[in-house]
PDB file of N, CA and C in Angstrom:
ATOM      1  N   MET A   1      -3.786  14.632  15.869  1.00  0.00           N
ATOM      2  CA  MET A   1      -3.622  13.657  14.780  1.00  0.00           C
ATOM      3  C   MET A   1      -2.380  13.053  14.602  1.00  0.00           C
ATOM      4  N   ALA A   2      -2.278  11.545  14.821  1.00  0.00           N
ATOM      5  CA  ALA A   2      -1.082  10.885  14.966  1.00  0.00           C
ATOM      6  C   ALA A   2      -0.258  10.691  13.592  1.00  0.00           C
ATOM      7  N   ILE A   3       0.972  10.927  13.431  1.00  0.00           N
ATOM      8  CA  ILE A   3       1.493  10.593  12.361  1.00  0.00           C
ATOM      9  C   ILE A   3       1.320   9.105  11.755  1.00  0.00           C
ATOM     10  N   PRO A   4       0.655   9.171  10.408  1.00  0.00           N
ATOM     11  CA  PRO A   4       0.561   7.747  10.020  1.00  0.00           C
ATOM     12  C   PRO A   4       1.875   6.619   9.840  1.00  0.00           C
ATOM     13  N   LYS A   5       1.848   5.884  10.375  1.00  0.00           N
ATOM     14  CA  LYS A   5       2.749   4.665  10.007  1.00  0.00           C
ATOM     15  C   LYS A   5       3.086   4.035   8.567  1.00  0.00           C
ATOM     16  N   VAL A   6       4.193   4.770   8.040  1.00  0.00           N
ATOM     17  CA  VAL A   6       4.481   3.738   6.757  1.00  0.00           C
ATOM     18  C   VAL A   6       5.745   3.307   6.606  1.00  0.00           C
ATOM     19  N   ASN A   7       5.698   1.788   6.707  1.00  0.00           N
ATOM     20  CA  ASN A   7       7.009   1.258   6.788  1.00  0.00           C
ATOM     21  C   ASN A   7       7.556   0.818   5.693  1.00  0.00           C
ATOM     22  N   LEU A   8       8.807   0.869   5.677  1.00  0.00           N
ATOM     23  CA  LEU A   8       9.724   0.366   4.582  1.00  0.00           C
ATOM     24  C   LEU A   8      10.603  -0.787   4.844  1.00  0.00           C
ATOM     25  N   ALA A   9      10.826  -1.877   3.877  1.00  0.00           N
ATOM     26  CA  ALA A   9      11.084  -3.083   4.255  1.00  0.00           C
ATOM     27  C   ALA A   9      11.765  -3.608   3.271  1.00  0.00           C
ATOM     28  N   LYS A  10      12.956  -4.080   3.411  1.00  0.00           N
ATOM     29  CA  LYS A  10      13.887  -4.778   2.717  1.00  0.00           C
ATOM     30  C   LYS A  10      13.441  -6.452   2.311  1.00  0.00           C
ATOM     31  N   VAL A  11      13.063  -6.890   1.093  1.00  0.00           N
ATOM     32  CA  VAL A  11      12.469  -8.072   1.127  1.00  0.00           C
ATOM     33  C   VAL A  11      13.501  -8.866   0.138  1.00  0.00           C
ATOM     34  N   LYS A  12      13.586 -10.013   0.466  1.00  0.00           N
ATOM     35  CA  LYS A  12      14.857 -11.427  -0.426  1.00  0.00           C
ATOM     36  C   LYS A  12      13.807 -11.664  -1.244  1.00  0.00           C
ATOM     37  N   ARG A  13      14.094 -11.626  -2.675  1.00  0.00           N
ATOM     38  CA  ARG A  13      13.292 -12.423  -3.556  1.00  0.00           C
ATOM     39  C   ARG A  13      14.511 -13.148  -4.524  1.00  0.00           C
ATOM     40  N   LYS A  14      13.891 -13.868  -5.299  1.00  0.00           N
ATOM     41  CA  LYS A  14      14.752 -15.030  -6.125  1.00  0.00           C
ATOM     42  C   LYS A  14      15.854 -14.235  -6.844  1.00  0.00           C
ATOM     43  N   LYS A  15      15.655 -12.921  -7.290  1.00  0.00           N
ATOM     44  CA  LYS A  15      17.096 -12.127  -8.144  1.00  0.00           C
ATOM     45  C   LYS A  15      17.457 -11.393  -7.141  1.00  0.00           C
ATOM     46  N   GLY A  16      17.345 -11.384  -5.716  1.00  0.00           N
ATOM     47  CA  GLY A  16      18.054 -10.070  -4.906  1.00  0.00           C
ATOM     48  C   GLY A  16      17.085  -9.697  -4.079  1.00  0.00           C
ATOM     49  N   PHE A  17      17.381  -8.646  -3.605  1.00  0.00           N
ATOM     50  CA  PHE A  17      16.095  -7.545  -2.857  1.00  0.00           C
ATOM     51  C   PHE A  17      15.710  -6.645  -3.682  1.00  0.00           C
ATOM     52  N   VAL A  18      14.273  -6.270  -3.022  1.00  0.00           N
ATOM     53  CA  VAL A  18      13.653  -5.213  -3.261  1.00  0.00           C
ATOM     54  C   VAL A  18      12.889  -4.559  -2.062  1.00  0.00           C
ATOM     55  N   TYR A  19      12.702  -3.648  -2.432  1.00  0.00           N
ATOM     56  CA  TYR A  19      12.072  -2.684  -1.351  1.00  0.00           C
ATOM     57  C   TYR A  19      10.436  -2.548  -1.127  1.00  0.00           C
ATOM     58  N   GLN A  20       9.766  -2.546   0.051  1.00  0.00           N
ATOM     59  CA  GLN A  20       8.461  -2.913  -0.083  1.00  0.00           C
ATOM     60  C   GLN A  20       7.957  -1.905   0.781  1.00  0.00           C
ATOM     61  N   VAL A  21       6.935  -0.924   0.526  1.00  0.00           N
ATOM     62  CA  VAL A  21       6.357  -0.037   1.287  1.00  0.00           C
ATOM     63  C   VAL A  21       4.927  -0.644   1.937  1.00  0.00           C
ATOM     64  N   ASP A  22       4.661  -0.661   3.208  1.00  0.00           N
ATOM     65  CA  ASP A  22       3.483  -1.197   3.916  1.00  0.00           C
ATOM     66  C   ASP A  22       2.706  -0.116   4.954  1.00  0.00           C
ATOM     67  N   TYR A  23       1.710   0.030   4.642  1.00  0.00           N
ATOM     68  CA  TYR A  23       0.957   1.145   5.358  1.00  0.00           C
ATOM     69  C   TYR A  23      -0.737   0.501   5.457  1.00  0.00           C
ATOM     70  N   THR A  24      -1.435   1.261   6.420  1.00  0.00           N
ATOM     71  CA  THR A  24      -2.707   1.204   6.515  1.00  0.00           C
ATOM     72  C   THR A  24      -3.584   2.350   6.299  1.00  0.00           C
ATOM     73  N   ILE A  25      -4.493   1.836   5.648  1.00  0.00           N
ATOM     74  CA  ILE A  25      -5.574   3.143   5.569  1.00  0.00           C
ATOM     75  C   ILE A  25      -7.112   2.660   5.941  1.00  0.00           C
ATOM     76  N   ASN A  26      -7.786   3.146   6.756  1.00  0.00           N
ATOM     77  CA  ASN A  26      -9.204   2.900   7.335  1.00  0.00           C
ATOM     78  C   ASN A  26      -9.128   1.437   7.720  1.00  0.00           C
ATOM     79  N   GLY A  27      -8.337   0.867   8.116  1.00  0.00           N
ATOM     80  CA  GLY A  27      -8.159  -0.566   8.858  1.00  0.00           C
ATOM     81  C   GLY A  27      -7.628  -1.604   7.683  1.00  0.00           C
ATOM     82  N   LYS A  28      -7.390  -1.360   6.318  1.00  0.00           N
ATOM     83  CA  LYS A  28      -6.899  -2.153   5.363  1.00  0.00           C
ATOM     84  C   LYS A  28      -5.439  -1.947   5.256  1.00  0.00           C
ATOM     85  N   ARG A  29      -4.622  -2.971   4.927  1.00  0.00           N
ATOM     86  CA  ARG A  29      -3.602  -3.087   4.798  1.00  0.00           C
ATOM     87  C   ARG A  29      -3.191  -3.122   3.469  1.00  0.00           C
ATOM     88  N   HIS A  30      -2.228  -2.028   2.924  1.00  0.00           N
ATOM     89  CA  HIS A  30      -1.755  -1.935   1.635  1.00  0.00           C
ATOM     90  C   HIS A  30       0.037  -2.427   1.830  1.00  0.00           C
ATOM     91  N   ARG A  31       0.276  -3.095   0.728  1.00  0.00           N
ATOM     92  CA  ARG A  31       1.739  -3.359   0.362  1.00  0.00           C
ATOM     93  C   ARG A  31       2.142  -3.071  -1.116  1.00  0.00           C
ATOM     94  N   GLU A  32       3.228  -2.479  -1.124  1.00  0.00           N
ATOM     95  CA  GLU A  32       3.363  -2.231  -2.702  1.00  0.00           C
ATOM     96  C   GLU A  32       4.817  -2.527  -2.838  1.00  0.00           C
ATOM     97  N   VAL A  33       5.380  -3.177  -3.608  1.00  0.00           N
ATOM     98  CA  VAL A  33       6.844  -3.286  -3.943  1.00  0.00           C
ATOM     99  C   VAL A  33       7.321  -2.010  -4.727  1.00  0.00           C
ATOM    100  N   ILE A  34       8.460  -1.272  -4.514  1.00  0.00           N
ATOM    101  CA  ILE A  34       9.019  -0.213  -5.261  1.00  0.00           C
ATOM    102  C   ILE A  34      10.098  -0.344  -6.109  1.00  0.00           C
ATOM    103  N   GLY A  35      11.194  -1.442  -5.687  1.00  0.00           N
ATOM    104  CA  GLY A  35      11.866  -1.843  -6.613  1.00  0.00           C
ATOM    105  C   GLY A  35      13.364  -1.846  -5.450  1.00  0.00           C
ATOM    106  N   SER A  36      14.410  -2.015  -6.595  1.00  0.00           N
ATOM    107  CA  SER A  36      15.922  -2.347  -5.748  1.00  0.00           C
ATOM    108  C   SER A  36      16.514  -1.080  -5.220  1.00  0.00           C
ATOM    109  N   ASN A  37      15.994   0.157  -5.655  1.00  0.00           N
ATOM    110  CA  ASN A  37      16.810   1.162  -5.144  1.00  0.00           C
ATOM    111  C   ASN A  37      16.204   1.868  -4.011  1.00  0.00           C
ATOM    112  N   LYS A  38      16.910   1.891  -2.709  1.00  0.00           N
ATOM    113  CA  LYS A  38      16.502   2.267  -1.486  1.00  0.00           C
ATOM    114  C   LYS A  38      16.076   3.828  -1.461  1.00  0.00           C
ATOM    115  N   TYR A  39      16.776   4.561  -2.204  1.00  0.00           N
ATOM    116  CA  TYR A  39      16.551   6.205  -2.351  1.00  0.00           C
ATOM    117  C   TYR A  39      15.217   6.525  -2.685  1.00  0.00           C
ATOM    118  N   SER A  40      14.904   5.528  -3.964  1.00  0.00           N
ATOM    119  CA  SER A  40      13.537   5.706  -4.495  1.00  0.00           C
ATOM    120  C   SER A  40      12.440   5.276  -3.714  1.00  0.00           C
ATOM    121  N   ALA A  41      12.663   3.994  -3.126  1.00  0.00           N
ATOM    122  CA  ALA A  41      11.736   3.770  -1.972  1.00  0.00           C
ATOM    123  C   ALA A  41      11.617   4.661  -0.754  1.00  0.00           C
ATOM    124  N   GLU A  42      12.659   5.348  -0.080  1.00  0.00           N
ATOM    125  CA  GLU A  42      12.382   6.559   0.706  1.00  0.00           C
ATOM    126  C   GLU A  42      11.579   7.477   0.100  1.00  0.00           C
ATOM    127  N   LEU A  43      12.009   7.895  -1.099  1.00  0.00           N
ATOM    128  CA  LEU A  43      11.232   9.089  -1.320  1.00  0.00           C
ATOM    129  C   LEU A  43       9.571   8.811  -1.810  1.00  0.00           C
ATOM    130  N   TYR A  44       9.466   7.396  -2.275  1.00  0.00           N
ATOM    131  CA  TYR A  44       7.827   7.238  -2.210  1.00  0.00           C
ATOM    132  C   TYR A  44       7.410   6.863  -0.772  1.00  0.00           C
ATOM    133  N   ARG A  45       7.989   6.146   0.034  1.00  0.00           N
ATOM    134  CA  ARG A  45       7.619   6.141   1.263  1.00  0.00           C
ATOM    135  C   ARG A  45       7.034   7.666   1.978  1.00  0.00           C
ATOM    136  N   THR A  46       7.635   8.634   1.709  1.00  0.00           N
ATOM    137  CA  THR A  46       7.652   9.556   2.423  1.00  0.00           C
ATOM    138  C   THR A  46       6.728  10.472   1.430  1.00  0.00           C
ATOM    139  N   ARG A  47       6.127  10.152   0.342  1.00  0.00           N
ATOM    140  CA  ARG A  47       4.979  10.763  -0.384  1.00  0.00           C
ATOM    141  C   ARG A  47       3.881  10.261  -0.174  1.00  0.00           C
ATOM    142  N   ILE A  48       3.760   8.936   0.053  1.00  0.00           N
ATOM    143  CA  ILE A  48       2.883   8.093   0.748  1.00  0.00           C
ATOM    144  C   ILE A  48       2.085   8.483   1.948  1.00  0.00           C
ATOM    145  N   GLN A  49       3.317   8.911   3.021  1.00  0.00           N
ATOM    146  CA  GLN A  49       2.932   9.352   4.330  1.00  0.00           C
ATOM    147  C   GLN A  49       2.275  10.541   4.249  1.00  0.00           C
ATOM    148  N   ASN A  50       3.005  11.521   3.128  1.00  0.00           N
ATOM    149  CA  ASN A  50       2.216  12.972   3.172  1.00  0.00           C
ATOM    150  C   ASN A  50       0.874  12.930   2.497  1.00  0.00           C
ATOM    151  N   LYS A  51       0.563  12.158   1.617  1.00  0.00           N
ATOM    152  CA  LYS A  51      -0.894  11.762   1.006  1.00  0.00           C
ATOM    153  C   LYS A  51      -1.652  11.525   2.012  1.00  0.00           C
ATOM    154  N   ILE A  52      -1.434  10.728   2.899  1.00  0.00           N
ATOM    155  CA  ILE A  52      -2.313  10.135   4.186  1.00  0.00           C
ATOM    156  C   ILE A  52      -2.466  11.042   4.830  1.00  0.00           C
ATOM    157  N   MET A  53      -1.451  11.880   5.452  1.00  0.00           N
ATOM    158  CA  MET A  53      -1.908  12.890   6.436  1.00  0.00           C
ATOM    159  C   MET A  53      -2.533  14.481   5.794  1.00  0.00           C
ATOM    160  N   ASP A  54      -2.821  14.167   4.486  1.00  0.00           N
ATOM    161  CA  ASP A  54      -3.487  15.739   4.011  1.00  0.00           C
ATOM    162  C   ASP A  54      -4.782  14.918   3.438  1.00  0.00           C
ATOM    163  N   GLY A  55      -4.975  13.629   3.531  1.00  0.00           N
ATOM    164  CA  GLY A  55      -6.317  12.961   3.629  1.00  0.00           C
ATOM    165  C   GLY A  55      -6.338  13.082   1.825  1.00  0.00           C
ATOM    166  N   LYS A  56      -5.428  12.970   0.881  1.00  0.00           N
ATOM    167  CA  LYS A  56      -5.673  12.786  -0.436  1.00  0.00           C
ATOM    168  C   LYS A  56      -5.708  11.360  -1.015  1.00  0.00           C
ATOM    169  N   LEU A  57      -5.097  10.410  -0.021  1.00  0.00           N
ATOM    170  CA  LEU A  57      -5.038   8.953  -0.734  1.00  0.00           C
ATOM    171  C   LEU A  57      -6.256   8.163  -0.229  1.00  0.00           C
ATOM    172  N   GLU A  58      -7.099   7.877  -1.140  1.00  0.00           N
ATOM    173  CA  GLU A  58      -8.013   6.938  -1.038  1.00  0.00           C
ATOM    174  C   GLU A  58      -8.319   5.631  -1.542  1.00  0.00           C
ATOM    175  N   ILE A  59      -8.974   4.864  -1.042  1.00  0.00           N
ATOM    176  CA  ILE A  59      -9.088   3.752  -1.341  1.00  0.00           C
ATOM    177  C   ILE A  59     -10.573   3.358  -2.564  1.00  0.00           C
ATOM    178  N   PRO A  60     -10.095   2.670  -3.466  1.00  0.00           N
ATOM    179  CA  PRO A  60     -11.371   2.510  -4.418  1.00  0.00           C
ATOM    180  C   PRO A  60     -12.339   1.702  -3.714  1.00  0.00           C
ATOM    181  N   ALA A  61     -13.585   2.144  -4.164  1.00  0.00           N
ATOM    182  CA  ALA A  61     -14.719   1.468  -3.549  1.00  0.00           C
ATOM    183  C   ALA A  61     -14.680  -0.097  -4.265  1.00  0.00           C
ATOM    184  N   GLN A  62     -15.242  -1.142  -3.520  1.00  0.00           N
ATOM    185  CA  GLN A  62     -15.111  -2.123  -4.226  1.00  0.00           C
ATOM    186  C   GLN A  62     -16.608  -2.529  -4.676  1.00  0.00           C
ATOM    187  N   GLN A  63     -16.439  -3.193  -5.637  1.00  0.00           N
ATOM    188  CA  GLN A  63     -17.845  -3.526  -6.226  1.00  0.00           C
ATOM    189  C   GLN A  63     -18.564  -4.661  -5.355  1.00  0.00           C
ATOM    190  N   LYS A  64     -19.854  -4.783  -5.455  1.00  0.00           N
ATOM    191  CA  LYS A  64     -20.434  -5.641  -4.809  1.00  0.00           C
ATOM    192  C   LYS A  64     -20.748  -7.025  -5.696  1.00  0.00           C
ATOM    193  N   LYS A  65     -20.652  -7.986  -5.292  1.00  0.00           N
ATOM    194  CA  LYS A  65     -20.691  -9.280  -6.016  1.00  0.00           C
ATOM    195  C   LYS A  65     -21.972  -9.903  -5.904  1.00  0.00           C
ATOM    196  N   GLU A  66     -22.551 -10.036  -7.140  1.00  0.00           N
ATOM    197  CA  GLU A  66     -24.011 -10.768  -7.058  1.00  0.00           C
ATOM    198  C   GLU A  66     -23.800 -12.455  -7.217  1.00  0.00           C
ATOM    199  N   VAL A  67     -24.695 -12.773  -6.611  1.00  0.00           N
ATOM    200  CA  VAL A  67     -24.595 -14.524  -6.277  1.00  0.00           C
ATOM    201  C   VAL A  67     -25.929 -14.741  -7.214  1.00  0.00           C
ATOM    202  N   HIS A  68     -25.557 -15.605  -7.840  1.00  0.00           N
ATOM    203  CA  HIS A  68     -27.099 -16.478  -8.741  1.00  0.00           C
ATOM    204  C   HIS A  68     -27.022 -17.873  -8.124  1.00  0.00           C
ATOM    205  N   SER A  69     -28.292 -18.072  -8.130  1.00  0.00           N
ATOM    206  CA  SER A  69     -28.509 -19.342  -7.434  1.00  0.00           C
ATOM    207  C   SER A  69     -28.734 -20.611  -8.449  1.00  0.00           C
ATOM    208  N   GLY A  70     -28.752 -19.782  -9.976  1.00  0.00           N
ATOM    209  CA  GLY A  70     -29.077 -20.924 -10.941  1.00  0.00           C
ATOM    210  C   GLY A  70     -30.398 -21.366 -11.767  1.00  0.00           C
ATOM    211  N   PHE A  71     -31.084 -21.073 -10.478  1.00  0.00           N
ATOM    212  CA  PHE A  71     -32.604 -21.183 -10.883  1.00  0.00           C
ATOM    213  C   PHE A  71     -33.322 -19.765 -11.560  1.00  0.00           C
ATOM    214  N   ILE A  72     -34.022 -19.883 -12.325  1.00  0.00           N
ATOM    215  CA  ILE A  72     -34.797 -18.658 -12.804  1.00  0.00           C
ATOM    216  C   ILE A  72     -36.352 -18.948 -12.454  1.00  0.00           C
TER     217      ILE A  72
END
């Protein structure tokens, strides 16, 4: 089993820099902004990577949208 790739990026915003975690689960990309502290972002990245490896991180199921035609 390959080690999952969880990227940590420093992103410039209007009020300064923040750290962002970027990872993929089942082909779906997830990005989360952690904050301005690099140490906390590294800990969060490691925690997410371990959860993915253990299979504990799951994507919530999407609800199906009903389309109504307007005619009854």
